[in-house]
Amino acid sequence: MAESPVTESTVTESTVTAATRLSGAGAESIVVKQVTKQYPGGNVALNEVSLQVEPGTFVVLLGPSGSGKTTLLRCLAGIERVTSGTIAIGGVTVASDSAHVPPDRRNLSMVFQDYALWPHLRVRENVAFALRRTKLAKPAAQARTQAMLDRVGLGALADRYPNELSGGEQQRVALARALVAGTGLILCDEPLSNLDADLRERMRVEISALVRESGATAFYITHDQAEAFALADQVGVLQNGRLIQFGRPEQVYAEPASPFVARFTGLSGELPVRVVSQAGAGLAGATAEVEVTGAALLRAFRVRASGQYPSGSAAILQIRPTGVQLAGTRDGEHHLAGVVADVAFRGRGYEHAIDIAGHGRLTGIFAPARADRGASVGLRLDPAGCHVFAAGSAAD
């Protein structure tokens, strides 16, 4: 079907009071303190996760399958109970080891991966369902529903059933339902994963615009780092139930807290290196002079360093696609030499995969001009896009 155009539980007395306060409008602050979620059998899905979010912030939780991001979202929603720690929404504790405010009293909405639309209800009825607990008169609720459908470009499809819509249209119905009630917190569970690449990008822009227009605080989970960086005010990277890093997208990209964070947020490749010297160890902007171990060495070069590394110590150099570029092969023009293994046209230019003798392959190396497969090329490294970690931390 063709896409329509995109135009742009036990409740204690204290938790009842909390639920009453949470029924108001406005973006919510979020404070998660030392939250652990352990399932029967000993599986720890969240391990002492802590974070603080200001009202109106768009947070993206990034991590591979099994990292804990969905569990954290479900704990925020009240679908899961925490084992220990606390969650506060708008200054009100909604979850602890002794208290639990149910989902319908947390002033939040959810957008699900599988849309979760009522198949027997028309589009307008699915969206209006989110207003059933409000005190709006029926005419006002109908007008609000229609206005939201118009806003997401589905006003003309209000009388269709979900099975008469495409995937992108169904996702916009789910988004309209989440936004129409004006809740202070919106939770998005990988809402774009079922869509094709072009529609994902259009819907990403639409979700960003609509959620920010609403003024709500948002938590959005994904395993796609490009999607995370494009959407987020703050990015949280999870690994094995732990929050490894939480900060602005630019900070997470430029200053990864561990080799895992660097890998998961986009690498061209890794090379073993030996530290020659270091300047400003332990300080922001600290650098180390390193040389590649083995035959690929041309000359030492300086890169970012996040710790203290004695001269002569082994380390791992992680290279962002933005940290390497094709260069000439004359002395002084390049740090490494390699052979073009593959080249792909990307519209704005070409991405190359370069084999480094004895050290594997670097990928995603962009250049405006094409280098032929099998050609010998030089590679110049930019310290801002290269990160050194101790060799023993490479598995982190």
Foldseek 3Di string as FASTA:
>chain_A
DDDQDFPFADADPLLVVVLVVQVDFAAKKKWWFQWWAADPVGQTQAGGETDTGDGLFEEEEAEDPSQNQVVVLCCLQQVDATCATFMDIRNGTQHGNVHHRHNVSRLFAEQEQQLPFDQVDFLLCRLLVLCPPPPDDPVVSSVLSLVLCVNRRNNVRRGHGPVVHDLLVSSSSSVSSRLSNNGQEYEYEPNLPVDDDVSSVSVLRRSLVSSSVSRHYYYYYDNDLVSRLVRGQKYFYGGSNYGQDIGGNVCCQQPPNALVSVVSNAFQDKFKWFFAAWDPFQDVPTKTWIFGPDDFFDDIDIADENHDDDGGAIKMKTFGLVFKEWWADDPPTAGGKFFWADWDQDPQAIWTWTQGVPTGIGTRNTDRYDDDGGDMIGMHGDRSGMYIDHPVRNVD
